[in-house]
Amino acid sequence: MRLLHVLPISSAIINSYALGYPELKDKASIKAEEDLRKLVESIDLPQGQVSYSIAFGSPRDEIAVVASEVAADLIVIGSRRPNITTHLLGSNASGIVRYANTSVLVVR
């Protein structure tokens, strides 16, 4: 099982790098890693069977890349706050369902 957390690249992060403040990205990464580590510890599987990673960018694109790298059998993603413009799925879930080469299970 691979857990992935994708942090968006916002204009604030891009501007912070341009101005010489890379620690903003580091703080976001550190918080995401702490949360993922706690989640991994709560999963009742042998230690070597669960891993995690953090990526920056578009969730749709990063999830597709990681799914391909690990030869995933299934992508599981949550969906919340859907509206008619996203066809009753969240925008990230909708994009992944449309573009993934791997089966996708959307959980609400």
PDB file of N, CA and C in Angstrom:
ATOM      1  N   MET A   1       0.854  -1.164   0.000  1.00  0.00           N
ATOM      2  CA  MET A   1       0.000   0.000   0.000  1.00  0.00           C
ATOM      3  C   MET A   1       0.898   1.224   0.000  1.00  0.00           C
ATOM      4  N   ARG A   2       0.629   2.132  -0.921  1.00  0.00           N
ATOM      5  CA  ARG A   2       1.385   3.388  -0.988  1.00  0.00           C
ATOM      6  C   ARG A   2       0.417   4.523  -0.704  1.00  0.00           C
ATOM      7  N   LEU A   3       0.737   5.346   0.263  1.00  0.00           N
ATOM      8  CA  LEU A   3      -0.031   6.547   0.569  1.00  0.00           C
ATOM      9  C   LEU A   3       0.699   7.727  -0.048  1.00  0.00           C
ATOM     10  N   LEU A   4      -0.059   8.625  -0.652  1.00  0.00           N
ATOM     11  CA  LEU A   4       0.532   9.796  -1.307  1.00  0.00           C
ATOM     12  C   LEU A   4      -0.236  11.033  -0.900  1.00  0.00           C
ATOM     13  N   HIS A   5       0.490  12.054  -0.528  1.00  0.00           N
ATOM     14  CA  HIS A   5      -0.114  13.352  -0.240  1.00  0.00           C
ATOM     15  C   HIS A   5       0.484  14.355  -1.224  1.00  0.00           C
ATOM     16  N   VAL A   6      -0.366  15.005  -1.990  1.00  0.00           N
ATOM     17  CA  VAL A   6       0.100  15.983  -2.974  1.00  0.00           C
ATOM     18  C   VAL A   6      -0.231  17.378  -2.459  1.00  0.00           C
ATOM     19  N   LEU A   7       0.802  18.172  -2.301  1.00  0.00           N
ATOM     20  CA  LEU A   7       0.646  19.564  -1.886  1.00  0.00           C
ATOM     21  C   LEU A   7       0.646  20.440  -3.134  1.00  0.00           C
ATOM     22  N   PRO A   8      -0.341  21.302  -3.262  1.00  0.00           N
ATOM     23  CA  PRO A   8      -0.388  22.159  -4.451  1.00  0.00           C
ATOM     24  C   PRO A   8       0.742  23.177  -4.442  1.00  0.00           C
ATOM     25  N   ILE A   9       1.197  23.506  -5.630  1.00  0.00           N
ATOM     26  CA  ILE A   9       2.183  24.579  -5.752  1.00  0.00           C
ATOM     27  C   ILE A   9       1.391  25.863  -5.940  1.00  0.00           C
ATOM     28  N   SER A  10       1.312  26.628  -4.884  1.00  0.00           N
ATOM     29  CA  SER A  10       0.557  27.877  -4.949  1.00  0.00           C
ATOM     30  C   SER A  10       1.484  29.028  -5.300  1.00  0.00           C
ATOM     31  N   SER A  11       0.889  30.129  -5.664  1.00  0.00           N
ATOM     32  CA  SER A  11       1.695  31.311  -5.979  1.00  0.00           C
ATOM     33  C   SER A  11       2.474  31.774  -4.760  1.00  0.00           C
ATOM     34  N   ALA A  12       1.951  31.530  -3.547  1.00  0.00           N
ATOM     35  CA  ALA A  12       2.675  31.924  -2.338  1.00  0.00           C
ATOM     36  C   ALA A  12       3.973  31.128  -2.206  1.00  0.00           C
ATOM     37  N   ILE A  13       3.916  29.828  -2.500  1.00  0.00           N
ATOM     38  CA  ILE A  13       5.132  29.015  -2.417  1.00  0.00           C
ATOM     39  C   ILE A  13       6.116  29.420  -3.507  1.00  0.00           C
ATOM     40  N   ILE A  14       5.614  29.631  -4.710  1.00  0.00           N
ATOM     41  CA  ILE A  14       6.490  30.050  -5.809  1.00  0.00           C
ATOM     42  C   ILE A  14       7.142  31.388  -5.477  1.00  0.00           C
ATOM     43  N   ASN A  15       6.351  32.331  -4.975  1.00  0.00           N
ATOM     44  CA  ASN A  15       6.901  33.642  -4.601  1.00  0.00           C
ATOM     45  C   ASN A  15       7.910  33.520  -3.467  1.00  0.00           C
ATOM     46  N   SER A  16       7.649  32.610  -2.511  1.00  0.00           N
ATOM     47  CA  SER A  16       8.586  32.454  -1.392  1.00  0.00           C
ATOM     48  C   SER A  16       9.941  31.963  -1.890  1.00  0.00           C
ATOM     49  N   TYR A  17       9.946  31.063  -2.877  1.00  0.00           N
ATOM     50  CA  TYR A  17      11.211  30.616  -3.443  1.00  0.00           C
ATOM     51  C   TYR A  17      11.910  31.749  -4.184  1.00  0.00           C
ATOM     52  N   ALA A  18      11.142  32.520  -4.931  1.00  0.00           N
ATOM     53  CA  ALA A  18      11.729  33.628  -5.684  1.00  0.00           C
ATOM     54  C   ALA A  18      12.352  34.660  -4.743  1.00  0.00           C
ATOM     55  N   LEU A  19      11.744  34.818  -3.562  1.00  0.00           N
ATOM     56  CA  LEU A  19      12.245  35.793  -2.594  1.00  0.00           C
ATOM     57  C   LEU A  19      13.257  35.182  -1.619  1.00  0.00           C
ATOM     58  N   GLY A  20      13.545  33.897  -1.777  1.00  0.00           N
ATOM     59  CA  GLY A  20      14.536  33.258  -0.907  1.00  0.00           C
ATOM     60  C   GLY A  20      13.989  32.708   0.391  1.00  0.00           C
ATOM     61  N   TYR A  21      12.722  32.259   0.410  1.00  0.00           N
ATOM     62  CA  TYR A  21      12.113  31.692   1.617  1.00  0.00           C
ATOM     63  C   TYR A  21      11.672  30.245   1.384  1.00  0.00           C
ATOM     64  N   PRO A  22      12.591  29.326   1.118  1.00  0.00           N
ATOM     65  CA  PRO A  22      12.206  27.938   0.841  1.00  0.00           C
ATOM     66  C   PRO A  22      11.631  27.214   2.058  1.00  0.00           C
ATOM     67  N   GLU A  23      11.777  27.790   3.260  1.00  0.00           N
ATOM     68  CA  GLU A  23      11.272  27.112   4.452  1.00  0.00           C
ATOM     69  C   GLU A  23       9.751  26.970   4.456  1.00  0.00           C
ATOM     70  N   LEU A  24       9.024  27.776   3.672  1.00  0.00           N
ATOM     71  CA  LEU A  24       7.570  27.601   3.597  1.00  0.00           C
ATOM     72  C   LEU A  24       7.225  26.235   3.026  1.00  0.00           C
ATOM     73  N   LYS A  25       7.919  25.837   2.000  1.00  0.00           N
ATOM     74  CA  LYS A  25       7.686  24.513   1.433  1.00  0.00           C
ATOM     75  C   LYS A  25       8.087  23.451   2.445  1.00  0.00           C
ATOM     76  N   ASP A  26       9.171  23.668   3.134  1.00  0.00           N
ATOM     77  CA  ASP A  26       9.632  22.698   4.115  1.00  0.00           C
ATOM     78  C   ASP A  26       8.611  22.506   5.231  1.00  0.00           C
ATOM     79  N   LYS A  27       7.989  23.575   5.716  1.00  0.00           N
ATOM     80  CA  LYS A  27       6.985  23.457   6.780  1.00  0.00           C
ATOM     81  C   LYS A  27       5.788  22.656   6.301  1.00  0.00           C
ATOM     82  N   ALA A  28       5.355  22.881   5.094  1.00  0.00           N
ATOM     83  CA  ALA A  28       4.235  22.115   4.547  1.00  0.00           C
ATOM     84  C   ALA A  28       4.608  20.649   4.413  1.00  0.00           C
ATOM     85  N   SER A  29       5.814  20.373   3.955  1.00  0.00           N
ATOM     86  CA  SER A  29       6.284  18.995   3.813  1.00  0.00           C
ATOM     87  C   SER A  29       6.385  18.304   5.164  1.00  0.00           C
ATOM     88  N   ILE A  30       6.913  19.008   6.143  1.00  0.00           N
ATOM     89  CA  ILE A  30       7.075  18.434   7.482  1.00  0.00           C
ATOM     90  C   ILE A  30       5.723  18.077   8.084  1.00  0.00           C
ATOM     91  N   LYS A  31       4.743  18.955   7.967  1.00  0.00           N
ATOM     92  CA  LYS A  31       3.399  18.697   8.498  1.00  0.00           C
ATOM     93  C   LYS A  31       2.767  17.516   7.773  1.00  0.00           C
ATOM     94  N   ALA A  32       2.867  17.475   6.464  1.00  0.00           N
ATOM     95  CA  ALA A  32       2.295  16.363   5.694  1.00  0.00           C
ATOM     96  C   ALA A  32       2.974  15.054   6.074  1.00  0.00           C
ATOM     97  N   GLU A  33       4.295  15.077   6.250  1.00  0.00           N
ATOM     98  CA  GLU A  33       5.006  13.853   6.612  1.00  0.00           C
ATOM     99  C   GLU A  33       4.609  13.366   8.005  1.00  0.00           C
ATOM    100  N   GLU A  34       4.450  14.277   8.949  1.00  0.00           N
ATOM    101  CA  GLU A  34       4.002  13.890  10.293  1.00  0.00           C
ATOM    102  C   GLU A  34       2.632  13.226  10.233  1.00  0.00           C
ATOM    103  N   ASP A  35       1.720  13.816   9.478  1.00  0.00           N
ATOM    104  CA  ASP A  35       0.368  13.264   9.362  1.00  0.00           C
ATOM    105  C   ASP A  35       0.386  11.893   8.691  1.00  0.00           C
ATOM    106  N   LEU A  36       1.182  11.736   7.637  1.00  0.00           N
ATOM    107  CA  LEU A  36       1.274  10.452   6.956  1.00  0.00           C
ATOM    108  C   LEU A  36       1.907   9.390   7.852  1.00  0.00           C
ATOM    109  N   ARG A  37       2.921   9.756   8.599  1.00  0.00           N
ATOM    110  CA  ARG A  37       3.573   8.807   9.502  1.00  0.00           C
ATOM    111  C   ARG A  37       2.577   8.291  10.539  1.00  0.00           C
ATOM    112  N   LYS A  38       1.765   9.181  11.098  1.00  0.00           N
ATOM    113  CA  LYS A  38       0.750   8.770  12.074  1.00  0.00           C
ATOM    114  C   LYS A  38      -0.277   7.841  11.426  1.00  0.00           C
ATOM    115  N   LEU A  39      -0.662   8.151  10.210  1.00  0.00           N
ATOM    116  CA  LEU A  39      -1.620   7.310   9.501  1.00  0.00           C
ATOM    117  C   LEU A  39      -1.037   5.924   9.238  1.00  0.00           C
ATOM    118  N   VAL A  40       0.210   5.858   8.794  1.00  0.00           N
ATOM    119  CA  VAL A  40       0.868   4.574   8.533  1.00  0.00           C
ATOM    120  C   VAL A  40       0.923   3.737   9.816  1.00  0.00           C
ATOM    121  N   GLU A  41       1.242   4.378  10.929  1.00  0.00           N
ATOM    122  CA  GLU A  41       1.320   3.669  12.206  1.00  0.00           C
ATOM    123  C   GLU A  41      -0.035   3.114  12.638  1.00  0.00           C
ATOM    124  N   SER A  42      -1.122   3.743  12.208  1.00  0.00           N
ATOM    125  CA  SER A  42      -2.454   3.295  12.605  1.00  0.00           C
ATOM    126  C   SER A  42      -2.993   2.165  11.722  1.00  0.00           C
ATOM    127  N   ILE A  43      -2.333   1.875  10.618  1.00  0.00           N
ATOM    128  CA  ILE A  43      -2.789   0.834   9.695  1.00  0.00           C
ATOM    129  C   ILE A  43      -2.254  -0.512  10.164  1.00  0.00           C
ATOM    130  N   ASP A  44      -3.152  -1.483  10.278  1.00  0.00           N
ATOM    131  CA  ASP A  44      -2.801  -2.795  10.805  1.00  0.00           C
ATOM    132  C   ASP A  44      -2.292  -3.719   9.688  1.00  0.00           C
ATOM    133  N   LEU A  45      -1.140  -3.380   9.148  1.00  0.00           N
ATOM    134  CA  LEU A  45      -0.448  -4.202   8.158  1.00  0.00           C
ATOM    135  C   LEU A  45       1.018  -4.272   8.567  1.00  0.00           C
ATOM    136  N   PRO A  46       1.745  -5.323   8.140  1.00  0.00           N
ATOM    137  CA  PRO A  46       3.179  -5.367   8.439  1.00  0.00           C
ATOM    138  C   PRO A  46       3.890  -4.113   7.940  1.00  0.00           C
ATOM    139  N   GLN A  47       4.883  -3.703   8.692  1.00  0.00           N
ATOM    140  CA  GLN A  47       5.574  -2.434   8.438  1.00  0.00           C
ATOM    141  C   GLN A  47       6.065  -2.282   7.007  1.00  0.00           C
ATOM    142  N   GLY A  48       6.603  -3.319   6.402  1.00  0.00           N
ATOM    143  CA  GLY A  48       7.148  -3.225   5.052  1.00  0.00           C
ATOM    144  C   GLY A  48       6.100  -3.144   3.956  1.00  0.00           C
ATOM    145  N   GLN A  49       4.836  -3.336   4.293  1.00  0.00           N
ATOM    146  CA  GLN A  49       3.791  -3.329   3.274  1.00  0.00           C
ATOM    147  C   GLN A  49       3.114  -1.981   3.100  1.00  0.00           C
ATOM    148  N   VAL A  50       3.467  -1.009   3.918  1.00  0.00           N
ATOM    149  CA  VAL A  50       2.868   0.326   3.814  1.00  0.00           C
ATOM    150  C   VAL A  50       3.989   1.350   3.680  1.00  0.00           C
ATOM    151  N   SER A  51       3.882   2.191   2.666  1.00  0.00           N
ATOM    152  CA  SER A  51       4.853   3.271   2.490  1.00  0.00           C
ATOM    153  C   SER A  51       4.104   4.547   2.129  1.00  0.00           C
ATOM    154  N   TYR A  52       4.814   5.647   2.169  1.00  0.00           N
ATOM    155  CA  TYR A  52       4.180   6.920   1.823  1.00  0.00           C
ATOM    156  C   TYR A  52       5.175   7.822   1.121  1.00  0.00           C
ATOM    157  N   SER A  53       4.616   8.794   0.426  1.00  0.00           N
ATOM    158  CA  SER A  53       5.443   9.816  -0.210  1.00  0.00           C
ATOM    159  C   SER A  53       4.664  11.113  -0.296  1.00  0.00           C
ATOM    160  N   ILE A  54       5.404  12.180  -0.513  1.00  0.00           N
ATOM    161  CA  ILE A  54       4.835  13.522  -0.632  1.00  0.00           C
ATOM    162  C   ILE A  54       5.294  14.087  -1.965  1.00  0.00           C
ATOM    163  N   ALA A  55       4.381  14.746  -2.651  1.00  0.00           N
ATOM    164  CA  ALA A  55       4.722  15.370  -3.929  1.00  0.00           C
ATOM    165  C   ALA A  55       4.139  16.775  -3.966  1.00  0.00           C
ATOM    166  N   PHE A  56       4.719  17.609  -4.793  1.00  0.00           N
ATOM    167  CA  PHE A  56       4.214  18.964  -5.021  1.00  0.00           C
ATOM    168  C   PHE A  56       3.754  19.059  -6.464  1.00  0.00           C
ATOM    169  N   GLY A  57       2.582  19.631  -6.668  1.00  0.00           N
ATOM    170  CA  GLY A  57       2.087  19.819  -8.025  1.00  0.00           C
ATOM    171  C   GLY A  57       0.604  19.556  -8.127  1.00  0.00           C
ATOM    172  N   SER A  58       0.187  19.176  -9.306  1.00  0.00           N
ATOM    173  CA  SER A  58      -1.213  18.865  -9.574  1.00  0.00           C
ATOM    174  C   SER A  58      -1.529  17.473  -9.036  1.00  0.00           C
ATOM    175  N   PRO A  59      -2.541  17.344  -8.163  1.00  0.00           N
ATOM    176  CA  PRO A  59      -2.886  16.020  -7.649  1.00  0.00           C
ATOM    177  C   PRO A  59      -3.131  15.007  -8.775  1.00  0.00           C
ATOM    178  N   ARG A  60      -3.850  15.405  -9.796  1.00  0.00           N
ATOM    179  CA  ARG A  60      -4.142  14.490 -10.906  1.00  0.00           C
ATOM    180  C   ARG A  60      -2.852  13.967 -11.536  1.00  0.00           C
ATOM    181  N   ASP A  61      -1.939  14.863 -11.837  1.00  0.00           N
ATOM    182  CA  ASP A  61      -0.705  14.470 -12.503  1.00  0.00           C
ATOM    183  C   ASP A  61       0.220  13.668 -11.596  1.00  0.00           C
ATOM    184  N   GLU A  62       0.380  14.118 -10.370  1.00  0.00           N
ATOM    185  CA  GLU A  62       1.293  13.439  -9.444  1.00  0.00           C
ATOM    186  C   GLU A  62       0.789  12.050  -9.083  1.00  0.00           C
ATOM    187  N   ILE A  63      -0.520  11.906  -8.893  1.00  0.00           N
ATOM    188  CA  ILE A  63      -1.084  10.591  -8.578  1.00  0.00           C
ATOM    189  C   ILE A  63      -0.892   9.645  -9.756  1.00  0.00           C
ATOM    190  N   ALA A  64      -1.091  10.132 -10.964  1.00  0.00           N
ATOM    191  CA  ALA A  64      -0.889   9.295 -12.149  1.00  0.00           C
ATOM    192  C   ALA A  64       0.563   8.842 -12.258  1.00  0.00           C
ATOM    193  N   VAL A  65       1.497   9.723 -11.978  1.00  0.00           N
ATOM    194  CA  VAL A  65       2.922   9.387 -12.055  1.00  0.00           C
ATOM    195  C   VAL A  65       3.271   8.315 -11.016  1.00  0.00           C
ATOM    196  N   VAL A  66       2.854   8.522  -9.768  1.00  0.00           N
ATOM    197  CA  VAL A  66       3.187   7.566  -8.712  1.00  0.00           C
ATOM    198  C   VAL A  66       2.500   6.230  -8.966  1.00  0.00           C
ATOM    199  N   ALA A  67       1.245   6.248  -9.404  1.00  0.00           N
ATOM    200  CA  ALA A  67       0.539   4.993  -9.707  1.00  0.00           C
ATOM    201  C   ALA A  67       1.290   4.203 -10.775  1.00  0.00           C
ATOM    202  N   SER A  68       1.808   4.900 -11.761  1.00  0.00           N
ATOM    203  CA  SER A  68       2.578   4.243 -12.815  1.00  0.00           C
ATOM    204  C   SER A  68       3.901   3.709 -12.277  1.00  0.00           C
ATOM    205  N   GLU A  69       4.597   4.493 -11.452  1.00  0.00           N
ATOM    206  CA  GLU A  69       5.894   4.090 -10.899  1.00  0.00           C
ATOM    207  C   GLU A  69       5.794   2.833 -10.038  1.00  0.00           C
ATOM    208  N   VAL A  70       4.722   2.731  -9.256  1.00  0.00           N
ATOM    209  CA  VAL A  70       4.592   1.590  -8.339  1.00  0.00           C
ATOM    210  C   VAL A  70       3.733   0.473  -8.929  1.00  0.00           C
ATOM    211  N   ALA A  71       3.318   0.633 -10.183  1.00  0.00           N
ATOM    212  CA  ALA A  71       2.446  -0.348 -10.852  1.00  0.00           C
ATOM    213  C   ALA A  71       1.221  -0.642  -9.997  1.00  0.00           C
ATOM    214  N   ALA A  72       0.530   0.426  -9.608  1.00  0.00           N
ATOM    215  CA  ALA A  72      -0.640   0.302  -8.729  1.00  0.00           C
ATOM    216  C   ALA A  72      -1.763  -0.476  -9.404  1.00  0.00           C
ATOM    217  N   ASP A  73      -2.443  -1.285  -8.611  1.00  0.00           N
ATOM    218  CA  ASP A  73      -3.612  -2.018  -9.086  1.00  0.00           C
ATOM    219  C   ASP A  73      -4.876  -1.181  -8.968  1.00  0.00           C
ATOM    220  N   LEU A  74      -4.868  -0.247  -8.012  1.00  0.00           N
ATOM    221  CA  LEU A  74      -6.058   0.546  -7.723  1.00  0.00           C
ATOM    222  C   LEU A  74      -5.643   1.864  -7.085  1.00  0.00           C
ATOM    223  N   ILE A  75      -6.294   2.936  -7.485  1.00  0.00           N
ATOM    224  CA  ILE A  75      -6.128   4.245  -6.850  1.00  0.00           C
ATOM    225  C   ILE A  75      -7.386   4.478  -6.027  1.00  0.00           C
ATOM    226  N   VAL A  76      -7.212   4.808  -4.755  1.00  0.00           N
ATOM    227  CA  VAL A  76      -8.340   5.124  -3.890  1.00  0.00           C
ATOM    228  C   VAL A  76      -8.219   6.589  -3.516  1.00  0.00           C
ATOM    229  N   ILE A  77      -9.284   7.350  -3.764  1.00  0.00           N
ATOM    230  CA  ILE A  77      -9.268   8.783  -3.464  1.00  0.00           C
ATOM    231  C   ILE A  77     -10.600   9.184  -2.855  1.00  0.00           C
ATOM    232  N   GLY A  78     -10.551  10.118  -1.931  1.00  0.00           N
ATOM    233  CA  GLY A  78     -11.767  10.649  -1.327  1.00  0.00           C
ATOM    234  C   GLY A  78     -12.305  11.790  -2.170  1.00  0.00           C
ATOM    235  N   SER A  79     -13.602  12.024  -2.026  1.00  0.00           N
ATOM    236  CA  SER A  79     -14.240  13.140  -2.725  1.00  0.00           C
ATOM    237  C   SER A  79     -15.108  13.886  -1.725  1.00  0.00           C
ATOM    238  N   ARG A  80     -15.021  15.191  -1.776  1.00  0.00           N
ATOM    239  CA  ARG A  80     -15.862  16.009  -0.893  1.00  0.00           C
ATOM    240  C   ARG A  80     -16.250  17.290  -1.604  1.00  0.00           C
ATOM    241  N   ARG A  81     -17.307  17.883  -1.141  1.00  0.00           N
ATOM    242  CA  ARG A  81     -17.852  19.134  -1.696  1.00  0.00           C
ATOM    243  C   ARG A  81     -18.024  19.099  -3.212  1.00  0.00           C
ATOM    244  N   PRO A  82     -18.639  18.059  -3.745  1.00  0.00           N
ATOM    245  CA  PRO A  82     -18.851  18.047  -5.196  1.00  0.00           C
ATOM    246  C   PRO A  82     -19.926  19.045  -5.615  1.00  0.00           C
ATOM    247  N   ASN A  83     -19.868  19.442  -6.859  1.00  0.00           N
ATOM    248  CA  ASN A  83     -20.937  20.269  -7.413  1.00  0.00           C
ATOM    249  C   ASN A  83     -21.168  19.865  -8.859  1.00  0.00           C
ATOM    250  N   ILE A  84     -22.111  20.481  -9.495  1.00  0.00           N
ATOM    251  CA  ILE A  84     -22.495  20.072 -10.844  1.00  0.00           C
ATOM    252  C   ILE A  84     -21.363  20.269 -11.856  1.00  0.00           C
ATOM    253  N   THR A  85     -20.491  21.237 -11.633  1.00  0.00           N
ATOM    254  CA  THR A  85     -19.411  21.470 -12.599  1.00  0.00           C
ATOM    255  C   THR A  85     -18.360  20.366 -12.561  1.00  0.00           C
ATOM    256  N   THR A  86     -18.304  19.619 -11.461  1.00  0.00           N
ATOM    257  CA  THR A  86     -17.358  18.512 -11.386  1.00  0.00           C
ATOM    258  C   THR A  86     -18.088  17.173 -11.515  1.00  0.00           C
ATOM    259  N   HIS A  87     -19.290  17.201 -12.039  1.00  0.00           N
ATOM    260  CA  HIS A  87     -20.065  15.992 -12.314  1.00  0.00           C
ATOM    261  C   HIS A  87     -20.229  15.116 -11.075  1.00  0.00           C
ATOM    262  N   LEU A  88     -20.557  15.765  -9.962  1.00  0.00           N
ATOM    263  CA  LEU A  88     -20.841  15.098  -8.696  1.00  0.00           C
ATOM    264  C   LEU A  88     -19.632  14.451  -8.036  1.00  0.00           C
ATOM    265  N   LEU A  89     -18.453  14.742  -8.511  1.00  0.00           N
ATOM    266  CA  LEU A  89     -17.217  14.347  -7.849  1.00  0.00           C
ATOM    267  C   LEU A  89     -16.423  15.613  -7.575  1.00  0.00           C
ATOM    268  N   GLY A  90     -15.519  15.559  -6.625  1.00  0.00           N
ATOM    269  CA  GLY A  90     -14.627  16.693  -6.416  1.00  0.00           C
ATOM    270  C   GLY A  90     -13.731  16.875  -7.631  1.00  0.00           C
ATOM    271  N   SER A  91     -13.187  18.046  -7.798  1.00  0.00           N
ATOM    272  CA  SER A  91     -12.392  18.314  -8.998  1.00  0.00           C
ATOM    273  C   SER A  91     -11.164  17.409  -9.104  1.00  0.00           C
ATOM    274  N   ASN A  92     -10.486  17.119  -7.967  1.00  0.00           N
ATOM    275  CA  ASN A  92      -9.334  16.215  -8.020  1.00  0.00           C
ATOM    276  C   ASN A  92      -9.775  14.800  -8.367  1.00  0.00           C
ATOM    277  N   ALA A  93     -10.807  14.323  -7.699  1.00  0.00           N
ATOM    278  CA  ALA A  93     -11.304  12.976  -7.976  1.00  0.00           C
ATOM    279  C   ALA A  93     -11.760  12.868  -9.426  1.00  0.00           C
ATOM    280  N   SER A  94     -12.456  13.863  -9.894  1.00  0.00           N
ATOM    281  CA  SER A  94     -12.953  13.860 -11.271  1.00  0.00           C
ATOM    282  C   SER A  94     -11.801  13.779 -12.266  1.00  0.00           C
ATOM    283  N   GLY A  95     -10.768  14.567 -12.049  1.00  0.00           N
ATOM    284  CA  GLY A  95      -9.612  14.556 -12.942  1.00  0.00           C
ATOM    285  C   GLY A  95      -8.896  13.224 -12.935  1.00  0.00           C
ATOM    286  N   ILE A  96      -8.772  12.623 -11.770  1.00  0.00           N
ATOM    287  CA  ILE A  96      -8.086  11.342 -11.666  1.00  0.00           C
ATOM    288  C   ILE A  96      -8.898  10.251 -12.355  1.00  0.00           C
ATOM    289  N   VAL A  97     -10.205  10.245 -12.137  1.00  0.00           N
ATOM    290  CA  VAL A  97     -11.062   9.248 -12.783  1.00  0.00           C
ATOM    291  C   VAL A  97     -10.949   9.360 -14.299  1.00  0.00           C
ATOM    292  N   ARG A  98     -10.916  10.568 -14.815  1.00  0.00           N
ATOM    293  CA  ARG A  98     -10.868  10.772 -16.265  1.00  0.00           C
ATOM    294  C   ARG A  98      -9.529  10.402 -16.889  1.00  0.00           C
ATOM    295  N   TYR A  99      -8.425  10.669 -16.188  1.00  0.00           N
ATOM    296  CA  TYR A  99      -7.115  10.563 -16.820  1.00  0.00           C
ATOM    297  C   TYR A  99      -6.252   9.401 -16.347  1.00  0.00           C
ATOM    298  N   ALA A 100      -6.614   8.721 -15.286  1.00  0.00           N
ATOM    299  CA  ALA A 100      -5.778   7.636 -14.771  1.00  0.00           C
ATOM    300  C   ALA A 100      -5.843   6.410 -15.677  1.00  0.00           C
ATOM    301  N   ASN A 101      -4.725   5.740 -15.807  1.00  0.00           N
ATOM    302  CA  ASN A 101      -4.667   4.479 -16.548  1.00  0.00           C
ATOM    303  C   ASN A 101      -4.923   3.292 -15.634  1.00  0.00           C
ATOM    304  N   THR A 102      -5.143   3.573 -14.361  1.00  0.00           N
ATOM    305  CA  THR A 102      -5.383   2.569 -13.330  1.00  0.00           C
ATOM    306  C   THR A 102      -6.826   2.706 -12.862  1.00  0.00           C
ATOM    307  N   SER A 103      -7.440   1.623 -12.422  1.00  0.00           N
ATOM    308  CA  SER A 103      -8.792   1.679 -11.856  1.00  0.00           C
ATOM    309  C   SER A 103      -8.803   2.628 -10.659  1.00  0.00           C
ATOM    310  N   VAL A 104      -9.913   3.353 -10.492  1.00  0.00           N
ATOM    311  CA  VAL A 104     -10.032   4.342  -9.424  1.00  0.00           C
ATOM    312  C   VAL A 104     -11.281   4.047  -8.600  1.00  0.00           C
ATOM    313  N   LEU A 105     -11.125   4.039  -7.280  1.00  0.00           N
ATOM    314  CA  LEU A 105     -12.235   3.913  -6.362  1.00  0.00           C
ATOM    315  C   LEU A 105     -12.387   5.240  -5.641  1.00  0.00           C
ATOM    316  N   VAL A 106     -13.550   5.872  -5.796  1.00  0.00           N
ATOM    317  CA  VAL A 106     -13.814   7.165  -5.156  1.00  0.00           C
ATOM    318  C   VAL A 106     -14.654   6.902  -3.913  1.00  0.00           C
ATOM    319  N   VAL A 107     -14.168   7.392  -2.772  1.00  0.00           N
ATOM    320  CA  VAL A 107     -14.829   7.184  -1.491  1.00  0.00           C
ATOM    321  C   VAL A 107     -15.375   8.515  -1.006  1.00  0.00           C
ATOM    322  N   ARG A 108     -16.638   8.476  -0.566  1.00  0.00           N
ATOM    323  CA  ARG A 108     -17.233   9.691   0.017  1.00  0.00           C
ATOM    324  C   ARG A 108     -17.481   9.492   1.475  1.00  0.00           C
TER     325      ARG A 108
END
